[in-house]
Amino acid sequence: MESSVPSIIFPHLGIEIGYFPTSFSIGKFSIAYYGVIIAIAMIVAVLVIYRLAKKTNQSGDNYIDMAIVVIICGIIGARIYYVLFSLDYYKANPGQIFNIRGGGLAIYGGLIAAAIAGYIVCRIKKISYLRILDTALPGVALGQCIGRWANFVNREAFGEYTDSLFAMQLRLTEVNTDNVTDLMIQNMVSKDGVRYVQVSPTFLYESLWCLVVFVLIMIFRKYQKYNGEVALWYLGGYALGRAWIEGLRTDALYIGHSNIPVSQLLSIALVAGSFAILLINRVRLARKTWEPEFSLILPDGAPGTTAFAEKLKAERKAAKAEKYEESHGEEKKDASKWETYTVKKDGEDAAKAQAETNSEVSEETSLDEEPVEDAETEEVTETDETSE
């Protein structure tokens, strides 16, 4: 019966989505659609970032290298953030801490860990961290826009009951009942014997909000005045929407045993901090009390360009070779002495062997000649005797 009725319904929009699972199988392997969508979001983000880097004469390879480190650290950070603010559950179920397939990744944790990892990589590569952020965050915003649809597939990250235009109905059997409130139960609907809870599609709100942030900062980039300004617009813009959306969700992470959503509090702090810095910097620019060094398109050879990356790579290779030479100098000297000694010793041994060979040959020759001399002597003796 359930397979013949929709999984998700938008009653006021007239949209019904038939039953679909949260995963599919290839042979014996089960692959979650959540992971597939997140992977697509990451790939799109990296492609956008790479294109922006090339358009501003930056080394695309720097961003590819950084993406590998940042993505890994981001996933770890997202998990740690989620576990820390769900500590009661994971204390009781420690074996679930590493079960990422069971869900539990927090975007803010991922952003924090990725920011730290990116800073370290920038220090190593000797490039501007703020410029990296300005180039990367538009791609991150678009990736978040796509990634939020993974929550849609999982029927999660939804908000309290609503009867608004975008109200969404989900099968009760397909959602985590821990996130179902009394208000949802009171307004539960039934269709062909299947019960639905009606919720706010917060995943959709955040996806659309991230798309707006992406479009706006892509437009604003043309009017950028200093490194880090695009990053501030992203942080303030994303956090502004998240502060509102987080208040609607029923699966929010809370500070301790309070009713304060940690991500909502963090969002409010980011909004206040980002827009305050933006305002202060714009005032400083207007009064001409600050002249930051900035160029939208980097000149050839500047830090962050391909030429600079190649030069830095060559310098590090040379430094590594020099260090190797210094650390292995004495060994090489000893090896050289040993080689000289060995060659000399081999020469002496060869000469000695040759001398011994020559001596043996001389002795053999002498032995071969002795019988002939005796014969001649006997002949002479016989001749003498005959004469007598």
Protein backbone atom coordinates (compact mmCIF):
# COMPACT_ATOMS: atom_id res chain seq x y z
CA MET A 1 0.00 0.00 0.00
CA GLU A 2 2.73 2.47 1.03
CA SER A 3 4.69 1.99 -2.20
CA SER A 4 1.68 3.18 -4.18
CA VAL A 5 1.41 6.53 -2.39
CA PRO A 6 3.89 9.45 -2.49
CA SER A 7 6.85 9.74 -0.13
CA ILE A 8 6.84 13.54 -0.17
CA ILE A 9 4.01 15.96 -0.90
CA PHE A 10 3.95 19.73 -1.28
CA PRO A 11 0.16 20.12 -0.87
CA HIS A 12 -0.10 23.82 -1.70
CA LEU A 13 2.15 23.52 -4.76
CA GLY A 14 0.43 20.42 -6.11
CA ILE A 15 3.69 18.42 -6.14
CA GLU A 16 3.78 14.74 -5.22
CA ILE A 17 6.99 12.71 -5.27
CA GLY A 18 6.56 8.95 -5.46
CA TYR A 19 8.36 6.52 -3.24
CA PHE A 20 12.13 6.46 -3.56
CA PRO A 21 14.73 4.89 -1.27
CA THR A 22 17.60 6.69 0.45
CA SER A 23 20.19 4.44 -1.21
CA PHE A 24 20.85 2.15 -4.16
CA SER A 25 22.97 -0.95 -4.62
CA ILE A 26 25.76 -1.93 -6.98
CA GLY A 27 26.34 -5.62 -6.49
CA LYS A 28 26.67 -6.15 -2.75
CA PHE A 29 27.52 -2.51 -2.04
CA SER A 30 24.88 -0.10 -0.78
CA ILE A 31 25.47 3.53 -1.77
CA ALA A 32 23.57 6.34 -0.04
CA TYR A 33 22.15 9.09 -2.22
CA TYR A 34 23.22 11.47 0.56
CA GLY A 35 26.89 10.69 -0.13
CA VAL A 36 26.43 10.94 -3.90
CA ILE A 37 24.83 14.39 -3.64
CA ILE A 38 27.50 15.63 -1.23
CA ALA A 39 30.21 14.36 -3.61
CA ILE A 40 28.57 16.17 -6.55
CA ALA A 41 28.37 19.35 -4.46
CA MET A 42 32.08 19.14 -3.66
CA ILE A 43 33.05 18.55 -7.30
CA VAL A 44 30.95 21.52 -8.48
CA ALA A 45 32.47 23.72 -5.77
CA VAL A 46 36.04 22.77 -6.75
CA LEU A 47 35.33 23.37 -10.47
CA VAL A 48 33.89 26.83 -9.75
CA ILE A 49 36.84 27.70 -7.50
CA TYR A 50 39.34 26.48 -10.10
CA ARG A 51 37.70 28.61 -12.79
CA LEU A 52 37.72 31.71 -10.58
CA ALA A 53 41.38 31.10 -9.78
CA LYS A 54 42.37 30.88 -13.46
CA LYS A 55 40.35 34.02 -14.31
CA THR A 56 42.33 36.00 -11.73
CA ASN A 57 45.72 34.60 -12.83
CA GLN A 58 46.12 32.37 -9.80
CA SER A 59 47.57 28.88 -9.78
CA GLY A 60 44.73 26.40 -10.14
CA ASP A 61 47.02 23.66 -8.83
CA ASN A 62 47.21 25.43 -5.47
CA TYR A 63 43.45 25.08 -5.12
CA ILE A 64 43.41 21.43 -6.22
CA ASP A 65 46.08 20.60 -3.64
CA MET A 66 44.21 22.55 -1.00
CA ALA A 67 40.86 20.95 -1.86
CA ILE A 68 42.19 17.48 -1.01
CA VAL A 69 43.35 18.58 2.45
CA VAL A 70 40.40 20.86 3.16
CA ILE A 71 37.72 18.33 2.20
CA ILE A 72 39.20 15.61 4.41
CA CYS A 73 39.62 17.98 7.36
CA GLY A 74 36.16 19.45 6.72
CA ILE A 75 34.47 16.06 6.99
CA ILE A 76 36.36 15.28 10.20
CA GLY A 77 35.50 18.71 11.63
CA ALA A 78 31.83 18.37 10.71
CA ARG A 79 31.68 15.07 12.56
CA ILE A 80 33.52 16.34 15.63
CA TYR A 81 31.20 19.36 15.89
CA TYR A 82 28.14 17.14 15.69
CA VAL A 83 29.44 14.65 18.26
CA LEU A 84 30.47 17.39 20.72
CA PHE A 85 26.98 18.88 20.75
CA SER A 86 25.28 15.46 20.93
CA LEU A 87 27.55 14.22 23.67
CA ASP A 88 24.89 12.56 25.81
CA TYR A 89 23.93 10.22 23.00
CA TYR A 90 27.52 9.36 22.03
CA LYS A 91 28.56 8.78 25.64
CA ALA A 92 25.86 6.13 25.79
CA ASN A 93 26.73 4.85 22.29
CA PRO A 94 30.50 5.35 21.80
CA GLY A 95 30.55 2.82 18.99
CA GLN A 96 28.45 5.20 16.87
CA ILE A 97 30.99 8.04 16.94
CA PHE A 98 32.69 6.85 13.75
CA ASN A 99 29.49 5.72 12.05
CA ILE A 100 29.21 8.60 9.59
CA ARG A 101 26.90 6.52 7.40
CA GLY A 102 24.36 6.78 10.20
CA GLY A 103 24.27 10.57 9.74
CA GLY A 104 25.61 13.42 11.81
CA LEU A 105 27.65 16.07 9.98
CA ALA A 106 27.40 19.74 10.97
CA ILE A 107 28.26 22.33 8.31
CA TYR A 108 29.73 24.83 10.78
CA GLY A 109 32.13 22.22 12.11
CA GLY A 110 33.20 21.49 8.54
CA LEU A 111 33.72 25.19 7.77
CA ILE A 112 35.79 25.77 10.92
CA ALA A 113 38.05 22.76 10.31
CA ALA A 114 38.41 23.62 6.62
CA ALA A 115 39.33 27.23 7.48
CA ILE A 116 42.08 26.06 9.85
CA ALA A 117 43.43 23.54 7.35
CA GLY A 118 43.37 26.15 4.57
CA TYR A 119 45.31 28.62 6.72
CA ILE A 120 48.04 26.05 7.38
CA VAL A 121 48.33 25.21 3.67
CA CYS A 122 48.55 28.92 2.81
CA ARG A 123 51.38 29.36 5.28
CA ILE A 124 53.25 26.48 3.72
CA LYS A 125 52.69 27.75 0.18
CA LYS A 126 53.39 31.38 1.19
CA ILE A 127 50.20 32.76 -0.36
CA SER A 128 47.52 35.14 0.86
CA TYR A 129 44.97 33.39 3.05
CA LEU A 130 42.38 36.14 2.56
CA ARG A 131 42.70 35.96 -1.23
CA ILE A 132 42.24 32.20 -1.07
CA LEU A 133 39.05 32.72 0.96
CA ASP A 134 37.75 35.31 -1.51
CA THR A 135 38.27 32.86 -4.37
CA ALA A 136 37.03 29.73 -2.62
CA LEU A 137 33.94 30.85 -0.73
CA PRO A 138 31.72 31.60 -3.76
CA GLY A 139 32.26 27.97 -4.81
CA VAL A 140 31.55 26.83 -1.25
CA ALA A 141 28.22 28.72 -1.29
CA LEU A 142 27.17 26.98 -4.51
CA GLY A 143 28.30 23.64 -3.11
CA GLN A 144 26.14 24.21 -0.02
CA CYS A 145 23.19 25.03 -2.27
CA ILE A 146 23.51 21.63 -3.92
CA GLY A 147 24.51 19.71 -0.80
CA ARG A 148 21.35 20.65 1.12
CA TRP A 149 19.35 18.43 -1.22
CA ALA A 150 21.06 15.48 0.45
CA ASN A 151 18.93 16.33 3.50
CA PHE A 152 15.85 16.26 1.28
CA VAL A 153 16.67 12.74 0.11
CA ASN A 154 17.19 11.64 3.72
CA ARG A 155 13.94 13.31 4.87
CA GLU A 156 15.84 15.25 7.55
CA ALA A 157 16.79 18.80 8.57
CA PHE A 158 13.17 19.92 8.51
CA GLY A 159 11.41 22.50 10.66
CA GLU A 160 8.33 22.81 12.83
CA TYR A 161 4.78 22.38 11.52
CA THR A 162 3.66 25.00 9.03
CA ASP A 163 0.77 25.52 6.64
CA SER A 164 2.64 28.02 4.47
CA LEU A 165 2.95 27.88 0.68
CA PHE A 166 6.04 25.63 0.89
CA ALA A 167 4.66 23.26 3.52
CA MET A 168 6.00 19.73 3.00
CA GLN A 169 4.41 16.46 4.04
CA LEU A 170 6.60 13.44 4.85
CA ARG A 171 5.62 9.86 5.62
CA LEU A 172 5.79 9.33 9.37
CA THR A 173 7.51 5.97 8.84
CA GLU A 174 10.34 7.60 6.84
CA VAL A 175 11.44 10.28 9.30
CA ASN A 176 13.33 10.22 12.58
CA THR A 177 10.56 10.32 15.16
CA ASP A 178 12.91 12.06 17.62
CA ASN A 179 12.46 15.19 15.49
CA VAL A 180 8.65 14.93 15.33
CA THR A 181 7.02 17.44 17.68
CA ASP A 182 3.65 17.40 19.42
CA LEU A 183 2.46 20.14 17.06
CA MET A 184 3.27 17.94 14.07
CA ILE A 185 1.38 15.03 15.58
CA GLN A 186 -1.64 17.22 16.27
CA ASN A 187 -1.71 18.30 12.62
CA MET A 188 -0.90 14.92 11.10
CA VAL A 189 -2.68 14.08 7.84
CA SER A 190 -3.58 10.73 6.33
CA LYS A 191 -3.76 9.61 2.71
CA ASP A 192 -4.83 6.10 1.68
CA GLY A 193 -4.09 4.90 5.18
CA VAL A 194 -0.58 6.40 5.24
CA ARG A 195 0.15 9.04 7.87
CA TYR A 196 2.14 12.19 7.05
CA VAL A 197 3.69 14.91 9.20
CA GLN A 198 3.57 18.43 7.76
CA VAL A 199 6.80 20.37 8.23
CA SER A 200 8.80 23.40 7.14
CA PRO A 201 11.28 22.43 4.38
CA THR A 202 14.26 24.14 5.97
CA PHE A 203 16.63 22.29 3.63
CA LEU A 204 14.91 24.10 0.74
CA TYR A 205 15.11 27.47 2.49
CA GLU A 206 18.83 27.09 3.08
CA SER A 207 19.50 25.80 -0.42
CA LEU A 208 17.75 28.80 -1.97
CA TRP A 209 19.46 31.16 0.47
CA CYS A 210 22.91 29.80 -0.46
CA LEU A 211 22.08 30.27 -4.13
CA VAL A 212 21.18 33.93 -3.45
CA VAL A 213 24.44 34.40 -1.50
CA PHE A 214 26.41 32.89 -4.38
CA VAL A 215 24.80 35.16 -6.98
CA LEU A 216 25.21 38.30 -4.86
CA ILE A 217 28.88 37.78 -4.01
CA MET A 218 29.67 36.92 -7.64
CA ILE A 219 28.18 40.29 -8.59
CA PHE A 220 29.91 42.07 -5.73
CA ARG A 221 33.35 40.67 -6.64
CA LYS A 222 33.60 43.32 -9.38
CA TYR A 223 33.50 46.04 -6.70
CA GLN A 224 35.87 44.37 -4.25
CA LYS A 225 38.42 46.76 -2.69
CA TYR A 226 40.60 44.57 -0.50
CA ASN A 227 41.49 40.97 0.20
CA GLY A 228 39.00 39.34 2.52
CA GLU A 229 36.01 41.49 1.59
CA VAL A 230 34.25 38.74 -0.38
CA ALA A 231 34.89 36.36 2.53
CA LEU A 232 33.18 38.79 4.90
CA TRP A 233 30.17 39.08 2.59
CA TYR A 234 29.90 35.29 2.45
CA LEU A 235 30.17 34.84 6.22
CA GLY A 236 27.71 37.61 7.01
CA GLY A 237 25.30 36.65 4.24
CA TYR A 238 25.24 32.92 4.91
CA ALA A 239 25.04 33.37 8.68
CA LEU A 240 22.14 35.83 8.33
CA GLY A 241 19.98 33.20 6.64
CA ARG A 242 21.19 30.41 8.89
CA ALA A 243 20.33 32.38 12.03
CA TRP A 244 16.69 32.46 10.91
CA ILE A 245 16.53 28.93 9.49
CA GLU A 246 18.18 27.32 12.52
CA GLY A 247 15.39 28.65 14.71
CA LEU A 248 12.85 26.66 12.66
CA ARG A 249 14.56 23.29 12.78
CA THR A 250 13.53 20.55 15.17
CA ASP A 251 16.86 18.70 14.94
CA ALA A 252 19.10 21.61 15.97
CA LEU A 253 22.15 21.01 18.16
CA TYR A 254 21.86 22.75 21.53
CA ILE A 255 24.39 24.14 23.99
CA GLY A 256 24.46 21.62 26.83
CA HIS A 257 20.96 21.05 28.20
CA SER A 258 19.74 24.53 27.27
CA ASN A 259 17.26 25.45 24.55
CA ILE A 260 19.82 27.62 22.72
CA PRO A 261 20.76 26.24 19.27
CA VAL A 262 24.56 26.46 19.05
CA SER A 263 24.57 27.11 15.29
CA GLN A 264 22.01 29.90 15.66
CA LEU A 265 24.14 31.59 18.32
CA LEU A 266 27.25 31.22 16.17
CA SER A 267 25.37 32.61 13.15
CA ILE A 268 24.29 35.71 15.07
CA ALA A 269 27.89 36.31 16.18
CA LEU A 270 29.15 35.93 12.60
CA VAL A 271 26.54 38.33 11.24
CA ALA A 272 27.42 40.98 13.83
CA GLY A 273 31.17 40.55 13.42
CA SER A 274 31.23 40.38 9.62
CA PHE A 275 29.03 43.38 8.94
CA ALA A 276 30.78 45.44 11.62
CA ILE A 277 34.17 44.81 9.96
CA LEU A 278 32.70 45.52 6.51
CA LEU A 279 31.29 48.84 7.72
CA ILE A 280 34.49 49.88 9.48
CA ASN A 281 36.63 49.06 6.45
CA ARG A 282 34.34 50.94 4.07
CA VAL A 283 34.48 54.00 6.32
CA ARG A 284 38.28 53.77 6.40
CA LEU A 285 38.37 53.57 2.62
CA ALA A 286 35.98 56.53 2.23
CA ARG A 287 38.07 58.68 4.57
CA LYS A 288 41.26 57.50 2.83
CA THR A 289 42.84 56.51 6.11
CA TRP A 290 43.56 53.05 4.74
CA GLU A 291 45.05 52.00 1.42
CA PRO A 292 45.08 48.22 1.25
CA GLU A 293 47.16 46.46 -1.40
CA PHE A 294 44.76 44.72 -3.71
CA SER A 295 44.48 43.65 -7.33
CA LEU A 296 41.61 41.57 -8.64
CA ILE A 297 43.88 39.94 -11.25
CA LEU A 298 47.32 39.03 -9.94
CA PRO A 299 50.36 40.19 -11.95
CA ASP A 300 52.66 37.46 -13.26
CA GLY A 301 55.07 36.17 -10.64
CA ALA A 302 53.07 37.49 -7.68
CA PRO A 303 52.40 35.15 -4.74
CA GLY A 304 49.60 32.82 -5.71
CA THR A 305 50.33 32.69 -9.44
CA THR A 306 51.55 29.64 -11.32
CA ALA A 307 54.98 31.22 -11.89
CA PHE A 308 55.34 31.89 -8.16
CA ALA A 309 54.27 28.33 -7.31
CA GLU A 310 56.84 26.87 -9.73
CA LYS A 311 59.57 29.15 -8.38
CA LEU A 312 58.74 28.21 -4.80
CA LYS A 313 58.75 24.54 -5.73
CA ALA A 314 62.17 24.88 -7.37
CA GLU A 315 63.56 26.73 -4.34
CA ARG A 316 62.29 24.07 -1.97
CA LYS A 317 63.73 21.33 -4.15
CA ALA A 318 67.10 23.09 -4.20
CA ALA A 319 67.00 23.65 -0.43
CA LYS A 320 66.16 20.01 0.12
CA ALA A 321 69.05 18.93 -2.10
CA GLU A 322 71.42 21.29 -0.27
CA LYS A 323 70.29 19.96 3.09
CA TYR A 324 70.83 16.43 1.86
CA GLU A 325 74.31 17.34 0.69
CA GLU A 326 75.14 18.82 4.09
CA SER A 327 73.80 15.87 6.04
CA HIS A 328 75.50 13.32 3.81
CA GLY A 329 78.76 15.24 3.16
CA GLU A 330 80.91 13.30 5.60
CA GLU A 331 79.48 10.03 4.40
CA LYS A 332 80.37 10.99 0.84
CA LYS A 333 83.93 11.92 1.91
CA ASP A 334 84.35 8.62 3.70
CA ALA A 335 82.93 6.83 0.70
CA SER A 336 85.37 8.66 -1.58
CA LYS A 337 88.32 7.74 0.64
CA TRP A 338 87.19 4.13 0.73
CA GLU A 339 86.78 4.10 -3.04
CA THR A 340 90.33 5.50 -3.50
CA TYR A 341 91.71 2.97 -1.03
CA THR A 342 89.85 0.15 -2.75
CA VAL A 343 91.13 1.13 -6.19
CA LYS A 344 94.69 1.40 -4.85
CA LYS A 345 94.42 -1.91 -3.01
CA ASP A 346 92.98 -3.61 -6.09
CA GLY A 347 95.90 -2.23 -8.11
CA GLU A 348 98.45 -3.50 -5.63
CA ASP A 349 96.79 -6.88 -5.48
CA ALA A 350 96.70 -7.06 -9.26
CA ALA A 351 100.39 -6.13 -9.49
CA LYS A 352 101.33 -8.69 -6.86
CA ALA A 353 99.28 -11.36 -8.60
CA GLN A 354 100.95 -10.48 -11.93
CA ALA A 355 104.39 -10.69 -10.33
CA GLU A 356 103.58 -14.09 -8.86
CA THR A 357 102.33 -15.25 -12.25
CA ASN A 358 105.51 -14.06 -13.96
CA SER A 359 107.63 -15.83 -11.33
CA GLU A 360 105.75 -19.07 -11.81
CA VAL A 361 106.15 -18.84 -15.57
CA SER A 362 109.93 -18.29 -15.16
CA GLU A 363 110.27 -21.31 -12.91
CA GLU A 364 108.36 -23.51 -15.34
CA THR A 365 110.57 -22.37 -18.20
CA SER A 366 113.68 -23.17 -16.22
CA LEU A 367 112.45 -26.64 -15.42
CA ASP A 368 111.70 -27.35 -19.08
CA GLU A 369 115.23 -26.33 -20.18
CA GLU A 370 117.25 -28.46 -17.63
CA PRO A 371 116.84 -31.89 -19.38
CA VAL A 372 118.15 -30.49 -22.67
CA GLU A 373 121.32 -29.24 -21.01
CA ASP A 374 121.94 -32.69 -19.46
CA ALA A 375 121.57 -34.38 -22.82
CA GLU A 376 124.09 -32.06 -24.40
CA THR A 377 126.50 -32.72 -21.54
CA GLU A 378 126.14 -36.49 -21.96
CA GLU A 379 126.82 -36.21 -25.68
CA VAL A 380 129.97 -34.26 -25.03
CA THR A 381 131.11 -36.80 -22.46
CA GLU A 382 130.52 -39.68 -24.82
CA THR A 383 132.45 -37.93 -27.55
CA ASP A 384 135.34 -37.33 -25.22
CA GLU A 385 135.39 -40.95 -24.17
CA THR A 386 135.45 -42.12 -27.79
CA SER A 387 138.32 -39.86 -28.54
CA GLU A 388 140.29 -41.36 -25.76
